[in-house]
């Protein structure tokens, strides 16, 4: 999967992505080979600094 296809908005401070329902947010603790959003972001960013993931929950919840 290409991270570029998930990016909704980005600037110097943050990146907003649309995560598909089947994509893990963080790596699976039993199978590190499964693709995750955090892995995609870490592999495709110029900096190795930590980042914070924030999820918007729809108002219908």
N, C-alpha and C. Protein backbone atom coordinates (compact mmCIF):
# COMPACT_ATOMS: atom_id res chain seq x y z
N UNK A 1 0.85 -1.17 0.00
CA UNK A 1 0.00 0.00 0.00
C UNK A 1 0.89 1.24 0.00
N UNK A 2 0.48 2.24 -0.71
CA UNK A 2 1.24 3.49 -0.79
C UNK A 2 0.62 4.52 0.15
N UNK A 3 1.44 5.09 1.01
CA UNK A 3 0.96 6.09 1.96
C UNK A 3 0.41 7.32 1.24
N UNK A 4 0.94 7.62 0.07
CA UNK A 4 0.49 8.79 -0.68
C UNK A 4 -1.00 8.72 -1.00
N UNK A 5 -1.52 7.51 -1.20
CA UNK A 5 -2.94 7.36 -1.53
C UNK A 5 -3.84 7.58 -0.32
N UNK A 6 -3.28 7.58 0.88
CA UNK A 6 -4.06 7.75 2.11
C UNK A 6 -4.06 9.18 2.63
N UNK A 7 -3.13 10.00 2.16
CA UNK A 7 -2.97 11.35 2.69
C UNK A 7 -4.09 12.26 2.22
N UNK A 8 -4.76 12.88 3.18
CA UNK A 8 -5.83 13.84 2.91
C UNK A 8 -5.25 15.25 2.88
N UNK A 9 -4.38 15.53 3.86
CA UNK A 9 -3.78 16.86 4.00
C UNK A 9 -2.45 16.71 4.71
N UNK A 10 -1.49 17.55 4.36
CA UNK A 10 -0.23 17.59 5.10
C UNK A 10 0.37 18.97 5.04
N UNK A 11 1.08 19.32 6.10
CA UNK A 11 1.87 20.54 6.12
C UNK A 11 3.12 20.25 6.96
N UNK A 12 3.84 21.27 7.38
CA UNK A 12 5.07 21.06 8.13
C UNK A 12 4.84 20.51 9.53
N UNK A 13 3.61 20.61 10.03
CA UNK A 13 3.33 20.20 11.41
C UNK A 13 2.60 18.87 11.55
N UNK A 14 1.77 18.52 10.58
CA UNK A 14 1.03 17.26 10.72
C UNK A 14 0.60 16.70 9.38
N UNK A 15 0.15 15.44 9.43
CA UNK A 15 -0.37 14.75 8.26
C UNK A 15 -1.71 14.16 8.65
N UNK A 16 -2.74 14.38 7.85
CA UNK A 16 -4.05 13.77 8.06
C UNK A 16 -4.21 12.66 7.03
N UNK A 17 -4.56 11.47 7.49
CA UNK A 17 -4.72 10.33 6.58
C UNK A 17 -6.09 9.70 6.74
N UNK A 18 -6.52 9.03 5.71
CA UNK A 18 -7.75 8.25 5.72
C UNK A 18 -7.35 6.78 5.79
N UNK A 19 -7.42 6.20 7.00
CA UNK A 19 -6.98 4.83 7.21
C UNK A 19 -8.08 3.85 6.83
N UNK A 20 -7.77 2.94 5.88
CA UNK A 20 -8.77 1.91 5.53
C UNK A 20 -9.04 1.01 6.73
N UNK A 21 -10.23 0.45 6.80
CA UNK A 21 -10.63 -0.35 7.96
C UNK A 21 -9.77 -1.60 8.16
N UNK A 22 -9.21 -2.17 7.13
CA UNK A 22 -8.40 -3.37 7.28
C UNK A 22 -6.95 -3.13 7.64
N UNK A 23 -6.51 -1.88 7.62
CA UNK A 23 -5.11 -1.54 7.91
C UNK A 23 -4.94 -1.34 9.41
N UNK A 24 -3.97 -2.03 10.00
CA UNK A 24 -3.69 -1.87 11.42
C UNK A 24 -3.17 -0.46 11.69
N UNK A 25 -3.48 0.09 12.85
CA UNK A 25 -2.96 1.39 13.24
C UNK A 25 -1.53 1.27 13.73
N UNK A 26 -1.28 0.27 14.57
CA UNK A 26 0.06 0.00 15.09
C UNK A 26 0.43 -1.44 14.74
N UNK A 27 1.70 -1.80 14.79
CA UNK A 27 2.10 -3.16 14.44
C UNK A 27 1.44 -4.21 15.35
N UNK A 28 1.14 -5.35 14.79
CA UNK A 28 0.60 -6.48 15.55
C UNK A 28 1.71 -7.02 16.44
N UNK A 29 1.44 -7.25 17.70
CA UNK A 29 2.51 -7.69 18.61
C UNK A 29 2.93 -9.13 18.36
N UNK A 30 2.10 -9.90 17.66
CA UNK A 30 2.43 -11.29 17.37
C UNK A 30 3.00 -11.49 15.97
N UNK A 31 2.70 -10.57 15.06
CA UNK A 31 3.16 -10.70 13.68
C UNK A 31 3.60 -9.34 13.17
N UNK A 32 4.88 -9.04 13.32
CA UNK A 32 5.41 -7.73 12.91
C UNK A 32 5.45 -7.54 11.41
N UNK A 33 5.18 -8.59 10.65
CA UNK A 33 5.20 -8.50 9.20
C UNK A 33 3.91 -7.90 8.62
N UNK A 34 2.84 -7.84 9.43
CA UNK A 34 1.58 -7.26 8.96
C UNK A 34 1.76 -5.75 8.79
N UNK A 35 1.23 -5.22 7.71
CA UNK A 35 1.35 -3.80 7.42
C UNK A 35 0.52 -2.98 8.41
N UNK A 36 1.07 -1.84 8.83
CA UNK A 36 0.35 -0.94 9.74
C UNK A 36 0.56 0.51 9.31
N UNK A 37 -0.35 1.37 9.73
CA UNK A 37 -0.24 2.79 9.41
C UNK A 37 1.02 3.38 10.01
N UNK A 38 1.33 3.03 11.25
CA UNK A 38 2.54 3.59 11.87
C UNK A 38 3.79 3.15 11.11
N UNK A 39 3.81 1.92 10.64
CA UNK A 39 4.95 1.44 9.84
C UNK A 39 5.07 2.18 8.53
N UNK A 40 3.94 2.41 7.86
CA UNK A 40 3.96 3.16 6.60
C UNK A 40 4.48 4.58 6.82
N UNK A 41 4.01 5.22 7.89
CA UNK A 41 4.46 6.58 8.18
C UNK A 41 5.94 6.63 8.52
N UNK A 42 6.40 5.68 9.32
CA UNK A 42 7.82 5.66 9.69
C UNK A 42 8.71 5.41 8.49
N UNK A 43 8.30 4.54 7.59
CA UNK A 43 9.13 4.24 6.42
C UNK A 43 9.10 5.35 5.38
N UNK A 44 8.08 6.19 5.39
CA UNK A 44 7.91 7.17 4.33
C UNK A 44 8.03 8.63 4.78
N UNK A 45 8.64 8.86 5.92
CA UNK A 45 8.86 10.24 6.36
C UNK A 45 10.35 10.52 6.38
N UNK A 46 10.70 11.77 6.18
CA UNK A 46 12.11 12.16 6.13
C UNK A 46 12.74 12.18 7.52
N UNK A 47 11.95 12.30 8.54
CA UNK A 47 12.47 12.39 9.90
C UNK A 47 12.15 11.11 10.67
N UNK A 48 12.95 10.81 11.63
CA UNK A 48 12.68 9.62 12.44
C UNK A 48 12.12 10.01 13.80
N UNK A 49 11.69 11.27 13.94
CA UNK A 49 11.17 11.72 15.23
C UNK A 49 9.83 11.05 15.53
N UNK A 50 9.52 10.90 16.80
CA UNK A 50 8.25 10.27 17.19
C UNK A 50 7.06 11.07 16.69
N UNK A 51 5.96 10.41 16.54
CA UNK A 51 4.74 11.08 16.12
C UNK A 51 3.58 10.60 16.98
N UNK A 52 2.50 11.34 16.96
CA UNK A 52 1.32 10.98 17.72
C UNK A 52 0.20 10.68 16.76
N UNK A 53 -0.47 9.57 17.00
CA UNK A 53 -1.63 9.21 16.18
C UNK A 53 -2.88 9.69 16.89
N UNK A 54 -3.77 10.32 16.16
CA UNK A 54 -5.03 10.78 16.71
C UNK A 54 -6.12 10.33 15.77
N UNK A 55 -7.17 9.76 16.32
CA UNK A 55 -8.27 9.25 15.51
C UNK A 55 -9.52 10.05 15.78
N UNK A 56 -10.16 10.51 14.72
CA UNK A 56 -11.44 11.20 14.86
C UNK A 56 -12.54 10.16 14.89
N UNK A 57 -13.40 10.24 15.90
CA UNK A 57 -14.52 9.31 16.01
C UNK A 57 -15.77 10.01 15.48
N UNK A 58 -16.47 9.37 14.56
CA UNK A 58 -17.66 10.00 13.99
C UNK A 58 -18.69 10.36 15.07
N UNK A 59 -19.40 11.44 14.85
CA UNK A 59 -20.39 11.92 15.82
C UNK A 59 -21.49 10.89 16.08
N UNK A 60 -21.73 10.00 15.12
CA UNK A 60 -22.79 9.00 15.26
C UNK A 60 -22.47 7.97 16.36
N UNK A 61 -21.23 7.91 16.80
CA UNK A 61 -20.87 6.94 17.83
C UNK A 61 -21.36 7.44 19.11
